[in-house]
Structures are given as structure tokens and as C-alpha cells.
């Protein structure tokens, strides 16, 4: 389980396809603290650490994960939002995020909102729905829906979130 409060942003160091699996090496200051078999959220996707190096670590995504997430669009140098799994007794500052992603949405518009930004996303899945003032996770970030329409929703991004995630 995660909270949607991003700890740091990592950089894709290497991608290696093996059959239908994609091995992803991420350069991150978290690498020194990680152990094999730990769960880490990558843009909201729960992936298991399979190798730890000095300044990076490796996770593996299966084809179903690639089909349902934005991980398939990663290239060397891409930035990913990272969060380690929460521990029992930790504060829950965002909302409960399982790391099991149901689908993706495309950013349709970004508007300046006098110091913050309104990001509007569209999605093409009738099974999805959003609720105004409800919680949603976008790229692993816990956000509140400010507007909800059929196959579209908007969220507000404050400057701190913008600067400390891959929204910039």
C-alpha cells in the first residue's frame, strides 16, 4: 500500500526487454535504502525490486502491467514518481493507493490557475468514473478531482507538487 505522496523522482537509466517482460533500471537516491523484494510505486504502479546497484535499482514489469499503465512509454532519461510502500503506523497524508492501475488517461489541457495549474485528462473507458472532490491517483500522486465529466476529469496541481513530481 502507498499514500500517493511522492518521495522523490527517479530517472530511467536502462530498459531491457526479455520476452514479454520489461526490466527497468531506475537511478534514484532511494537505491541505497532498498532491498530485493521490496515494493516501490513507479508512477503509481507497484513493482518489486529485483536488483539493487550502487546508485540505481531494477524492477520488472509484465505485459499486462505495460498494457494498463504508462510504463510502456518510458525511454532512457524519462522521469518517474517514486514512493516506497507505507509501514503500519505511518501517517496517511494522501489516500490509500494500492498500486494496481486500472488504466491510463491523456492530458488534454493544462491551465494556469493563478499560481497553481489545472490539468484536464480524458479517458476512453466507460467502466471508469470519477467523482468531483473524490480522490484519484495520477502518476502515483494523490490528488483531488476538481471537476468530473463523462470520460474527463480535472485536478489542481499546487506549485510544490508540480516542482517535486514528473508533472513539470
N, C-alpha and C. Protein backbone atom coordinates (compact mmCIF):
# COMPACT_ATOMS: atom_id res chain seq x y z
N UNK A 1 0.83 -1.18 0.00
CA UNK A 1 0.00 0.00 0.00
C UNK A 1 0.88 1.25 0.00
N UNK A 2 0.36 2.28 -0.63
CA UNK A 2 1.07 3.54 -0.75
C UNK A 2 0.12 4.67 -0.34
N UNK A 3 0.65 5.89 -0.29
CA UNK A 3 -0.17 7.03 0.11
C UNK A 3 -0.40 8.02 -1.01
N UNK A 4 0.38 7.93 -2.08
CA UNK A 4 0.28 8.91 -3.16
C UNK A 4 1.07 10.17 -2.88
N UNK A 5 1.89 10.15 -1.81
CA UNK A 5 2.78 11.27 -1.51
C UNK A 5 4.17 10.88 -2.03
N UNK A 6 4.59 11.51 -3.10
CA UNK A 6 5.82 11.13 -3.80
C UNK A 6 7.04 11.48 -2.95
N UNK A 7 7.95 10.52 -2.81
CA UNK A 7 9.18 10.74 -2.04
C UNK A 7 10.25 11.41 -2.88
N UNK A 8 10.37 10.98 -4.11
CA UNK A 8 11.41 11.51 -5.00
C UNK A 8 11.05 11.16 -6.44
N UNK A 9 11.78 11.75 -7.35
CA UNK A 9 11.63 11.44 -8.77
C UNK A 9 12.90 10.71 -9.21
N UNK A 10 12.72 9.56 -9.86
CA UNK A 10 13.84 8.80 -10.38
C UNK A 10 13.98 8.99 -11.88
N UNK A 11 15.12 8.59 -12.41
CA UNK A 11 15.38 8.71 -13.84
C UNK A 11 15.64 7.33 -14.43
N UNK A 12 15.00 7.05 -15.55
CA UNK A 12 15.20 5.76 -16.21
C UNK A 12 16.63 5.71 -16.75
N UNK A 13 17.37 4.72 -16.29
CA UNK A 13 18.77 4.56 -16.67
C UNK A 13 18.92 3.56 -17.81
N UNK A 14 18.06 2.52 -17.80
CA UNK A 14 18.15 1.48 -18.82
C UNK A 14 16.84 0.72 -18.88
N UNK A 15 16.47 0.30 -20.09
CA UNK A 15 15.30 -0.55 -20.32
C UNK A 15 15.77 -1.78 -21.09
N UNK A 16 15.35 -2.96 -20.64
CA UNK A 16 15.76 -4.20 -21.31
C UNK A 16 14.55 -5.11 -21.45
N UNK A 17 14.17 -5.39 -22.69
CA UNK A 17 13.05 -6.29 -22.97
C UNK A 17 13.54 -7.73 -22.91
N UNK A 18 12.80 -8.59 -22.21
CA UNK A 18 13.11 -10.02 -22.16
C UNK A 18 11.80 -10.75 -22.33
N UNK A 19 11.55 -11.26 -23.53
CA UNK A 19 10.24 -11.84 -23.82
C UNK A 19 9.18 -10.75 -23.68
N UNK A 20 8.15 -11.02 -22.87
CA UNK A 20 7.11 -10.02 -22.64
C UNK A 20 7.41 -9.15 -21.42
N UNK A 21 8.49 -9.43 -20.73
CA UNK A 21 8.86 -8.65 -19.54
C UNK A 21 9.75 -7.47 -19.92
N UNK A 22 9.58 -6.37 -19.18
CA UNK A 22 10.44 -5.21 -19.36
C UNK A 22 11.18 -4.97 -18.05
N UNK A 23 12.51 -5.07 -18.09
CA UNK A 23 13.34 -4.79 -16.92
C UNK A 23 13.68 -3.30 -16.98
N UNK A 24 13.41 -2.61 -15.89
CA UNK A 24 13.57 -1.16 -15.84
C UNK A 24 14.58 -0.81 -14.75
N UNK A 25 15.67 -0.16 -15.15
CA UNK A 25 16.66 0.29 -14.18
C UNK A 25 16.43 1.77 -13.91
N UNK A 26 16.27 2.11 -12.62
CA UNK A 26 15.96 3.47 -12.21
C UNK A 26 17.10 4.03 -11.37
N UNK A 27 17.61 5.17 -11.77
CA UNK A 27 18.63 5.89 -10.99
C UNK A 27 17.88 6.73 -9.96
N UNK A 28 18.20 6.50 -8.67
CA UNK A 28 17.47 7.19 -7.61
C UNK A 28 18.26 7.19 -6.31
N UNK A 29 18.14 8.25 -5.52
CA UNK A 29 18.76 8.25 -4.20
C UNK A 29 18.17 7.18 -3.28
N UNK A 30 16.99 6.68 -3.59
CA UNK A 30 16.37 5.62 -2.79
C UNK A 30 17.12 4.30 -2.92
N UNK A 31 17.88 4.13 -3.99
CA UNK A 31 18.53 2.84 -4.27
C UNK A 31 19.34 2.32 -3.09
N UNK A 32 20.05 3.20 -2.41
CA UNK A 32 20.90 2.78 -1.29
C UNK A 32 20.10 2.24 -0.12
N UNK A 33 18.82 2.59 -0.03
CA UNK A 33 17.99 2.15 1.09
C UNK A 33 17.12 0.94 0.74
N UNK A 34 17.08 0.56 -0.53
CA UNK A 34 16.19 -0.51 -0.96
C UNK A 34 16.83 -1.88 -0.80
N UNK A 35 15.95 -2.88 -0.70
CA UNK A 35 16.37 -4.28 -0.65
C UNK A 35 15.58 -5.05 -1.70
N UNK A 36 16.16 -6.14 -2.17
CA UNK A 36 15.46 -7.01 -3.11
C UNK A 36 14.16 -7.47 -2.47
N UNK A 37 13.09 -7.51 -3.26
CA UNK A 37 11.76 -7.97 -2.88
C UNK A 37 10.89 -6.87 -2.25
N UNK A 38 11.40 -5.64 -2.14
CA UNK A 38 10.57 -4.56 -1.63
C UNK A 38 9.66 -4.04 -2.74
N UNK A 39 8.51 -3.52 -2.34
CA UNK A 39 7.57 -2.91 -3.27
C UNK A 39 7.81 -1.41 -3.32
N UNK A 40 7.86 -0.88 -4.54
CA UNK A 40 8.02 0.56 -4.75
C UNK A 40 7.00 0.97 -5.81
N UNK A 41 6.37 2.13 -5.58
CA UNK A 41 5.43 2.68 -6.56
C UNK A 41 6.21 3.48 -7.59
N UNK A 42 5.97 3.18 -8.87
CA UNK A 42 6.60 3.86 -10.00
C UNK A 42 5.48 4.46 -10.83
N UNK A 43 5.29 5.77 -10.76
CA UNK A 43 4.14 6.42 -11.41
C UNK A 43 2.83 5.76 -10.97
N UNK A 44 2.79 5.31 -9.72
CA UNK A 44 1.58 4.70 -9.18
C UNK A 44 1.48 3.20 -9.35
N UNK A 45 2.44 2.60 -10.04
CA UNK A 45 2.42 1.16 -10.32
C UNK A 45 3.32 0.45 -9.31
N UNK A 46 2.77 -0.50 -8.59
CA UNK A 46 3.54 -1.27 -7.62
C UNK A 46 4.41 -2.28 -8.36
N UNK A 47 5.73 -2.15 -8.20
CA UNK A 47 6.68 -3.08 -8.80
C UNK A 47 7.67 -3.53 -7.74
N UNK A 48 8.14 -4.76 -7.89
CA UNK A 48 9.06 -5.38 -6.93
C UNK A 48 10.51 -5.14 -7.34
N UNK A 49 11.32 -4.74 -6.38
CA UNK A 49 12.76 -4.56 -6.61
C UNK A 49 13.39 -5.94 -6.80
N UNK A 50 14.06 -6.14 -7.94
CA UNK A 50 14.69 -7.43 -8.24
C UNK A 50 16.22 -7.37 -8.20
N UNK A 51 16.77 -6.17 -8.23
CA UNK A 51 18.22 -6.00 -8.16
C UNK A 51 18.52 -4.60 -7.63
N UNK A 52 19.53 -4.50 -6.78
CA UNK A 52 19.95 -3.20 -6.24
C UNK A 52 21.41 -2.98 -6.60
N UNK A 53 21.69 -1.81 -7.17
CA UNK A 53 23.05 -1.41 -7.52
C UNK A 53 23.44 -0.22 -6.63
N UNK A 54 24.61 0.34 -6.87
CA UNK A 54 25.09 1.43 -6.01
C UNK A 54 24.19 2.66 -6.06
N UNK A 55 23.82 3.11 -7.25
CA UNK A 55 23.02 4.33 -7.38
C UNK A 55 21.71 4.10 -8.13
N UNK A 56 21.38 2.83 -8.37
CA UNK A 56 20.16 2.51 -9.11
C UNK A 56 19.63 1.16 -8.65
N UNK A 57 18.45 0.83 -9.14
CA UNK A 57 17.85 -0.47 -8.84
C UNK A 57 17.02 -0.89 -10.04
N UNK A 58 16.65 -2.18 -10.07
CA UNK A 58 15.92 -2.74 -11.20
C UNK A 58 14.61 -3.34 -10.73
N UNK A 59 13.55 -3.11 -11.53
CA UNK A 59 12.25 -3.73 -11.34
C UNK A 59 11.84 -4.37 -12.66
N UNK A 60 10.86 -5.25 -12.63
CA UNK A 60 10.38 -5.90 -13.84
C UNK A 60 8.88 -5.71 -13.97
N UNK A 61 8.44 -5.30 -15.16
CA UNK A 61 7.01 -5.15 -15.44
C UNK A 61 6.60 -6.23 -16.44
N UNK A 62 5.48 -6.90 -16.14
CA UNK A 62 4.94 -7.91 -17.06
C UNK A 62 4.09 -7.23 -18.12
N UNK A 63 3.70 -7.97 -19.15
CA UNK A 63 2.97 -7.40 -20.28
C UNK A 63 1.64 -6.77 -19.85
N UNK A 64 0.89 -7.42 -18.96
CA UNK A 64 -0.39 -6.85 -18.52
C UNK A 64 -0.18 -5.49 -17.86
N UNK A 65 0.87 -5.37 -17.06
CA UNK A 65 1.19 -4.09 -16.44
C UNK A 65 1.51 -3.04 -17.50
N UNK A 66 2.29 -3.42 -18.49
CA UNK A 66 2.63 -2.49 -19.57
C UNK A 66 1.39 -2.07 -20.35
N UNK A 67 0.46 -3.02 -20.57
CA UNK A 67 -0.76 -2.72 -21.31
C UNK A 67 -1.67 -1.73 -20.59
N UNK A 68 -1.67 -1.75 -19.26
CA UNK A 68 -2.62 -0.95 -18.49
C UNK A 68 -2.03 0.32 -17.87
N UNK A 69 -0.76 0.59 -18.12
CA UNK A 69 -0.11 1.73 -17.47
C UNK A 69 0.67 2.56 -18.48
N UNK A 70 1.25 3.65 -18.01
CA UNK A 70 2.09 4.46 -18.89
C UNK A 70 3.55 4.02 -18.89
N UNK A 71 3.86 2.92 -18.23
CA UNK A 71 5.25 2.44 -18.19
C UNK A 71 5.76 2.06 -19.58
N UNK A 72 4.86 1.68 -20.47
CA UNK A 72 5.27 1.29 -21.83
C UNK A 72 5.82 2.48 -22.62
N UNK A 73 5.55 3.70 -22.16
CA UNK A 73 6.03 4.89 -22.87
C UNK A 73 7.38 5.39 -22.36
N UNK A 74 7.93 4.72 -21.35
CA UNK A 74 9.21 5.17 -20.78
C UNK A 74 10.35 5.00 -21.77
N UNK A 75 11.27 5.93 -21.73
CA UNK A 75 12.51 5.86 -22.51
C UNK A 75 13.66 6.23 -21.57
N UNK A 76 14.87 5.97 -21.99
CA UNK A 76 16.03 6.35 -21.17
C UNK A 76 15.96 7.86 -20.91
N UNK A 77 16.09 8.24 -19.65
CA UNK A 77 16.01 9.64 -19.27
C UNK A 77 14.64 10.08 -18.79
N UNK A 78 13.60 9.26 -19.03
CA UNK A 78 12.26 9.60 -18.52
C UNK A 78 12.30 9.70 -17.00
N UNK A 79 11.45 10.56 -16.46
CA UNK A 79 11.34 10.72 -15.02
C UNK A 79 10.13 9.95 -14.50
N UNK A 80 10.29 9.27 -13.36
CA UNK A 80 9.19 8.53 -12.75
C UNK A 80 9.04 8.95 -11.29
N UNK A 81 7.78 9.09 -10.87
CA UNK A 81 7.48 9.39 -9.47
C UNK A 81 7.67 8.13 -8.65
N UNK A 82 8.38 8.25 -7.52
CA UNK A 82 8.69 7.09 -6.69
C UNK A 82 8.18 7.26 -5.27
N UNK A 83 7.67 6.16 -4.73
CA UNK A 83 7.24 6.12 -3.33
C UNK A 83 7.43 4.71 -2.81
N UNK A 84 8.09 4.58 -1.66
CA UNK A 84 8.22 3.27 -1.03
C UNK A 84 6.90 2.92 -0.36
N UNK A 85 6.67 1.63 -0.16
CA UNK A 85 5.44 1.17 0.49
C UNK A 85 5.37 1.73 1.91
N UNK A 86 4.14 2.05 2.32
CA UNK A 86 3.97 2.58 3.68
C UNK A 86 4.13 1.45 4.69
N UNK A 87 4.47 1.82 5.91
CA UNK A 87 4.60 0.86 7.01
C UNK A 87 3.41 1.02 7.93
N UNK A 88 3.02 -0.06 8.59
CA UNK A 88 1.96 0.03 9.59
C UNK A 88 2.35 1.08 10.62
N UNK A 89 1.45 1.95 10.92
CA UNK A 89 1.72 3.01 11.89
C UNK A 89 2.15 4.32 11.26
N UNK A 90 2.46 4.31 9.94
CA UNK A 90 2.81 5.56 9.26
C UNK A 90 1.58 6.47 9.15
N UNK A 91 1.84 7.76 9.04
CA UNK A 91 0.75 8.70 8.79
C UNK A 91 0.23 8.48 7.37
N UNK A 92 -1.04 8.67 7.18
CA UNK A 92 -1.65 8.56 5.86
C UNK A 92 -1.97 9.97 5.38
N UNK A 93 -1.00 10.63 4.75
CA UNK A 93 -1.17 12.02 4.35
C UNK A 93 -1.92 12.17 3.03
N UNK A 94 -1.92 11.18 2.17
CA UNK A 94 -2.63 11.25 0.90
C UNK A 94 -3.92 10.46 1.02
N UNK A 95 -4.01 9.38 0.26
CA UNK A 95 -5.10 8.41 0.41
C UNK A 95 -4.52 7.03 0.12
N UNK A 96 -5.25 5.99 0.46
CA UNK A 96 -4.74 4.64 0.25
C UNK A 96 -4.65 4.36 -1.25
N UNK A 97 -3.45 4.01 -1.68
CA UNK A 97 -3.17 3.71 -3.08
C UNK A 97 -2.61 2.30 -3.14
N UNK A 98 -3.29 1.42 -3.86
CA UNK A 98 -2.85 0.02 -3.91
C UNK A 98 -1.70 -0.22 -4.87
N UNK A 99 -1.60 0.58 -5.90
CA UNK A 99 -0.55 0.35 -6.89
C UNK A 99 -0.97 -0.59 -7.99
N UNK A 100 -2.26 -0.92 -8.04
CA UNK A 100 -2.82 -1.76 -9.10
C UNK A 100 -3.60 -0.83 -10.03
N UNK A 101 -3.00 -0.47 -11.14
CA UNK A 101 -3.54 0.55 -12.04
C UNK A 101 -4.57 -0.06 -12.97
N UNK A 102 -5.69 0.65 -13.13
CA UNK A 102 -6.78 0.17 -13.98
C UNK A 102 -6.69 0.67 -15.42
N UNK A 103 -5.99 1.75 -15.64
CA UNK A 103 -5.90 2.28 -16.99
C UNK A 103 -5.20 3.62 -17.02
N UNK A 104 -5.16 4.21 -18.21
CA UNK A 104 -4.47 5.48 -18.39
C UNK A 104 -5.43 6.54 -18.91
N UNK A 105 -5.00 7.78 -18.77
CA UNK A 105 -5.74 8.92 -19.31
C UNK A 105 -4.72 9.82 -20.00
N UNK A 106 -5.18 10.59 -20.95
CA UNK A 106 -4.30 11.52 -21.66
C UNK A 106 -4.54 12.93 -21.16
N UNK A 107 -3.46 13.68 -20.98
CA UNK A 107 -3.58 15.07 -20.57
C UNK A 107 -4.06 15.87 -21.77
N UNK A 108 -5.23 16.45 -21.62
CA UNK A 108 -5.87 17.19 -22.71
C UNK A 108 -5.52 18.67 -22.67
N UNK A 109 -5.36 19.20 -21.43
CA UNK A 109 -5.17 20.64 -21.29
C UNK A 109 -4.52 20.94 -19.95
N UNK A 110 -3.66 21.96 -19.93
CA UNK A 110 -3.07 22.47 -18.70
C UNK A 110 -3.34 23.97 -18.67
N UNK A 111 -4.00 24.42 -17.60
CA UNK A 111 -4.35 25.84 -17.47
C UNK A 111 -3.68 26.45 -16.26
N UNK A 112 -3.20 27.68 -16.41
CA UNK A 112 -2.65 28.43 -15.28
C UNK A 112 -3.82 28.86 -14.40
N UNK A 113 -3.70 28.62 -13.09
CA UNK A 113 -4.77 28.98 -12.15
C UNK A 113 -4.21 29.90 -11.07
N UNK A 114 -3.57 30.99 -11.51
CA UNK A 114 -3.03 31.99 -10.58
C UNK A 114 -2.09 31.39 -9.55
N UNK A 115 -1.06 30.72 -10.00
CA UNK A 115 -0.07 30.16 -9.10
C UNK A 115 -0.12 28.65 -8.98
N UNK A 116 -1.20 28.06 -9.38
CA UNK A 116 -1.34 26.61 -9.46
C UNK A 116 -1.70 26.26 -10.90
N UNK A 117 -1.96 25.00 -11.16
CA UNK A 117 -2.33 24.57 -12.50
C UNK A 117 -3.52 23.64 -12.42
N UNK A 118 -4.37 23.71 -13.43
CA UNK A 118 -5.47 22.76 -13.59
C UNK A 118 -5.11 21.87 -14.76
N UNK A 119 -4.96 20.59 -14.48
CA UNK A 119 -4.69 19.59 -15.51
C UNK A 119 -6.00 18.88 -15.82
N UNK A 120 -6.38 18.83 -17.10
CA UNK A 120 -7.58 18.12 -17.52
C UNK A 120 -7.17 16.89 -18.30
N UNK A 121 -7.72 15.75 -17.90
CA UNK A 121 -7.40 14.47 -18.51
C UNK A 121 -8.65 13.88 -19.15
N UNK A 122 -8.45 13.14 -20.24
CA UNK A 122 -9.55 12.42 -20.87
C UNK A 122 -9.19 10.94 -20.92
N UNK A 123 -10.22 10.11 -20.82
CA UNK A 123 -10.02 8.67 -20.86
C UNK A 123 -11.12 8.06 -21.72
N UNK A 124 -10.83 6.89 -22.29
CA UNK A 124 -11.76 6.24 -23.21
C UNK A 124 -12.25 4.91 -22.68
N UNK A 125 -12.71 4.89 -21.47
CA UNK A 125 -13.18 3.64 -20.89
C UNK A 125 -14.46 3.90 -20.11
N UNK A 126 -15.56 3.36 -20.60
CA UNK A 126 -16.86 3.58 -19.96
C UNK A 126 -16.92 2.98 -18.56
N UNK A 127 -16.02 2.04 -18.24
CA UNK A 127 -16.02 1.43 -16.91
C UNK A 127 -15.44 2.37 -15.85
N UNK A 128 -14.66 3.35 -16.26
CA UNK A 128 -14.07 4.29 -15.31
C UNK A 128 -15.07 5.39 -14.98
N UNK A 129 -14.98 5.89 -13.79
CA UNK A 129 -15.75 7.07 -13.44
C UNK A 129 -15.01 7.82 -12.35
N UNK A 130 -15.18 9.11 -12.33
CA UNK A 130 -14.58 9.93 -11.29
C UNK A 130 -15.69 10.71 -10.60
N UNK A 131 -15.40 11.14 -9.39
CA UNK A 131 -16.37 11.88 -8.60
C UNK A 131 -15.73 13.20 -8.18
N UNK A 132 -16.43 14.29 -8.42
CA UNK A 132 -15.92 15.59 -8.01
C UNK A 132 -15.64 15.59 -6.51
N UNK A 133 -14.48 16.09 -6.14
CA UNK A 133 -13.96 16.14 -4.77
C UNK A 133 -13.51 14.77 -4.26
N UNK A 134 -13.54 13.76 -5.13
CA UNK A 134 -13.05 12.44 -4.77
C UNK A 134 -11.54 12.34 -4.99
N UNK A 135 -10.95 11.32 -4.43
CA UNK A 135 -9.50 11.10 -4.58
C UNK A 135 -9.22 10.34 -5.87
N UNK A 136 -8.11 10.67 -6.48
CA UNK A 136 -7.64 9.96 -7.67
C UNK A 136 -6.11 9.98 -7.63
N UNK A 137 -5.52 8.99 -8.25
CA UNK A 137 -4.06 8.94 -8.33
C UNK A 137 -3.66 9.10 -9.79
N UNK A 138 -2.84 10.09 -10.07
CA UNK A 138 -2.31 10.33 -11.42
C UNK A 138 -0.79 10.27 -11.31
N UNK A 139 -0.18 9.36 -12.07
CA UNK A 139 1.27 9.14 -12.00
C UNK A 139 1.73 8.89 -10.57
N UNK A 140 0.87 8.24 -9.78
CA UNK A 140 1.22 7.90 -8.41
C UNK A 140 0.96 8.99 -7.40
N UNK A 141 0.51 10.17 -7.85
CA UNK A 141 0.30 11.32 -6.97
C UNK A 141 -1.15 11.34 -6.50
N UNK A 142 -1.35 11.42 -5.19
CA UNK A 142 -2.68 11.54 -4.61
C UNK A 142 -3.22 12.94 -4.89
N UNK A 143 -4.35 13.01 -5.60
CA UNK A 143 -4.95 14.29 -5.98
C UNK A 143 -6.44 14.27 -5.71
N UNK A 144 -7.04 15.45 -5.71
CA UNK A 144 -8.48 15.59 -5.55
C UNK A 144 -9.07 16.03 -6.88
N UNK A 145 -10.13 15.37 -7.32
CA UNK A 145 -10.82 15.73 -8.55
C UNK A 145 -11.55 17.05 -8.33
N UNK A 146 -11.25 18.06 -9.16
CA UNK A 146 -11.93 19.35 -9.02
C UNK A 146 -13.11 19.48 -9.99
N UNK A 147 -13.11 18.67 -11.04
CA UNK A 147 -14.22 18.68 -11.99
C UNK A 147 -14.30 17.29 -12.62
N UNK A 148 -15.51 16.79 -12.75
CA UNK A 148 -15.71 15.45 -13.30
C UNK A 148 -16.82 15.49 -14.35
N UNK A 149 -16.49 15.02 -15.54
CA UNK A 149 -17.46 14.91 -16.63
C UNK A 149 -17.32 13.52 -17.22
N UNK A 150 -18.21 13.18 -18.12
CA UNK A 150 -18.13 11.88 -18.78
C UNK A 150 -16.80 11.80 -19.54
N UNK A 151 -16.01 10.78 -19.23
CA UNK A 151 -14.73 10.49 -19.87
C UNK A 151 -13.73 11.64 -19.76
N UNK A 152 -13.85 12.46 -18.69
CA UNK A 152 -12.93 13.57 -18.49
C UNK A 152 -12.93 13.98 -17.02
N UNK A 153 -11.77 14.37 -16.51
CA UNK A 153 -11.70 14.90 -15.15
C UNK A 153 -10.56 15.91 -15.07
N UNK A 154 -10.63 16.78 -14.07
CA UNK A 154 -9.59 17.79 -13.85
C UNK A 154 -9.11 17.71 -12.41
N UNK A 155 -7.83 18.02 -12.23
CA UNK A 155 -7.22 18.07 -10.90
C UNK A 155 -6.41 19.36 -10.81
N UNK A 156 -6.26 19.87 -9.59
CA UNK A 156 -5.43 21.05 -9.37
C UNK A 156 -4.06 20.60 -8.87
N UNK A 157 -3.02 21.19 -9.40
CA UNK A 157 -1.65 20.88 -9.00
C UNK A 157 -1.04 22.14 -8.38
N UNK A 158 -0.66 22.05 -7.11
CA UNK A 158 -0.03 23.19 -6.45
C UNK A 158 1.44 23.26 -6.83
N UNK A 159 2.09 24.42 -6.65
CA UNK A 159 3.49 24.55 -7.06
C UNK A 159 4.42 23.50 -6.45
N UNK A 160 4.27 23.15 -5.18
CA UNK A 160 5.14 22.15 -4.56
C UNK A 160 5.04 20.82 -5.29
N UNK A 161 3.82 20.37 -5.57
CA UNK A 161 3.62 19.10 -6.27
C UNK A 161 4.19 19.18 -7.68
N UNK A 162 3.97 20.28 -8.35
CA UNK A 162 4.48 20.47 -9.70
C UNK A 162 6.01 20.35 -9.73
N UNK A 163 6.68 20.99 -8.79
CA UNK A 163 8.14 21.03 -8.77
C UNK A 163 8.78 19.72 -8.28
N UNK A 164 8.05 18.92 -7.51
CA UNK A 164 8.63 17.73 -6.89
C UNK A 164 8.10 16.42 -7.44
N UNK A 165 7.50 16.47 -8.62
CA UNK A 165 7.00 15.27 -9.30
C UNK A 165 7.35 15.38 -10.79
N UNK A 166 6.90 14.41 -11.57
CA UNK A 166 7.16 14.49 -13.01
C UNK A 166 6.07 15.23 -13.77
N UNK A 167 5.26 16.04 -13.07
CA UNK A 167 4.28 16.88 -13.76
C UNK A 167 4.94 18.05 -14.49
N UNK A 168 6.15 18.44 -14.06
CA UNK A 168 6.80 19.60 -14.70
C UNK A 168 7.28 19.29 -16.08
